[in-house]
């Protein structure tokens, strides 16, 4: 798989969270991490179905 950010090689790795682990792709150059949940959320944002929480004022 090629990185969408820098077009470099990505490796399939196991990532550990506080309560679970998940599998995803990590770029060997820029460190971009992508898994199925990230891809689905990006698609929802692109389609306008999920508000972009970064632009929300607190």
C-alpha atoms as a PDB file:
ATOM      1  CA  UNK A   1       0.000   0.000   0.000  1.00  0.00           C
ATOM      2  CA  UNK A   2       1.190   3.548  -0.743  1.00  0.00           C
ATOM      3  CA  UNK A   3       0.817   6.434   1.681  1.00  0.00           C
ATOM      4  CA  UNK A   4      -1.849   8.947   0.645  1.00  0.00           C
ATOM      5  CA  UNK A   5       0.143  11.749   2.251  1.00  0.00           C
ATOM      6  CA  UNK A   6       3.677  11.221   0.879  1.00  0.00           C
ATOM      7  CA  UNK A   7       3.370   8.239  -1.550  1.00  0.00           C
ATOM      8  CA  UNK A   8       5.908   6.174   0.388  1.00  0.00           C
ATOM      9  CA  UNK A   9       5.642   2.535   1.473  1.00  0.00           C
ATOM     10  CA  UNK A  10       3.288   1.568   4.312  1.00  0.00           C
ATOM     11  CA  UNK A  11       3.637  -1.437   6.600  1.00  0.00           C
ATOM     12  CA  UNK A  12       0.788  -3.380   8.194  1.00  0.00           C
ATOM     13  CA  UNK A  13       1.281  -3.215  11.979  1.00  0.00           C
ATOM     14  CA  UNK A  14      -0.451  -3.927  15.256  1.00  0.00           C
ATOM     15  CA  UNK A  15      -1.201  -0.819  17.360  1.00  0.00           C
ATOM     16  CA  UNK A  16      -1.970  -0.853  21.067  1.00  0.00           C
ATOM     17  CA  UNK A  17      -4.478   1.426  22.776  1.00  0.00           C
ATOM     18  CA  UNK A  18      -5.273   1.727  26.478  1.00  0.00           C
ATOM     19  CA  UNK A  19      -7.896  -1.054  26.396  1.00  0.00           C
ATOM     20  CA  UNK A  20      -7.456  -2.866  23.088  1.00  0.00           C
ATOM     21  CA  UNK A  21      -5.328  -3.254  20.005  1.00  0.00           C
ATOM     22  CA  UNK A  22      -6.022  -2.788  16.311  1.00  0.00           C
ATOM     23  CA  UNK A  23      -4.336  -3.466  12.990  1.00  0.00           C
ATOM     24  CA  UNK A  24      -3.573  -0.717  10.518  1.00  0.00           C
ATOM     25  CA  UNK A  25      -1.148   0.688   7.991  1.00  0.00           C
ATOM     26  CA  UNK A  26       1.748   2.969   8.989  1.00  0.00           C
ATOM     27  CA  UNK A  27       3.937   4.958   6.610  1.00  0.00           C
ATOM     28  CA  UNK A  28       7.656   4.339   7.053  1.00  0.00           C
ATOM     29  CA  UNK A  29       8.515   7.953   6.105  1.00  0.00           C
ATOM     30  CA  UNK A  30       5.863  10.356   7.474  1.00  0.00           C
ATOM     31  CA  UNK A  31       4.247   8.136  10.140  1.00  0.00           C
ATOM     32  CA  UNK A  32       0.665   8.410   8.803  1.00  0.00           C
ATOM     33  CA  UNK A  33      -1.545   5.719  10.381  1.00  0.00           C
ATOM     34  CA  UNK A  34      -4.630   4.441   8.560  1.00  0.00           C
ATOM     35  CA  UNK A  35      -7.105   1.739   9.539  1.00  0.00           C
ATOM     36  CA  UNK A  36     -10.655   0.895   8.478  1.00  0.00           C
ATOM     37  CA  UNK A  37     -12.264   3.225  11.045  1.00  0.00           C
ATOM     38  CA  UNK A  38     -10.112   6.174   9.951  1.00  0.00           C
ATOM     39  CA  UNK A  39     -10.954   5.538   6.294  1.00  0.00           C
ATOM     40  CA  UNK A  40     -14.694   5.293   7.052  1.00  0.00           C
ATOM     41  CA  UNK A  41     -14.667   8.517   9.094  1.00  0.00           C
ATOM     42  CA  UNK A  42     -12.786  10.388   6.369  1.00  0.00           C
ATOM     43  CA  UNK A  43     -15.347   9.229   3.810  1.00  0.00           C
ATOM     44  CA  UNK A  44     -18.250  10.375   6.016  1.00  0.00           C
ATOM     45  CA  UNK A  45     -16.639  13.794   6.473  1.00  0.00           C
ATOM     46  CA  UNK A  46     -15.985  14.041   2.734  1.00  0.00           C
ATOM     47  CA  UNK A  47     -19.644  13.271   2.012  1.00  0.00           C
ATOM     48  CA  UNK A  48     -20.785  15.825   4.612  1.00  0.00           C
ATOM     49  CA  UNK A  49     -22.554  13.298   6.831  1.00  0.00           C
ATOM     50  CA  UNK A  50     -20.493  13.980   9.933  1.00  0.00           C
ATOM     51  CA  UNK A  51     -19.739  17.484  11.214  1.00  0.00           C
ATOM     52  CA  UNK A  52     -16.070  18.357  11.375  1.00  0.00           C
ATOM     53  CA  UNK A  53     -15.521  18.587  15.145  1.00  0.00           C
ATOM     54  CA  UNK A  54     -12.295  20.572  14.744  1.00  0.00           C
ATOM     55  CA  UNK A  55     -14.191  23.607  13.461  1.00  0.00           C
ATOM     56  CA  UNK A  56     -16.642  23.572  16.378  1.00  0.00           C
ATOM     57  CA  UNK A  57     -16.178  26.266  19.027  1.00  0.00           C
ATOM     58  CA  UNK A  58     -16.087  25.165  22.647  1.00  0.00           C
END
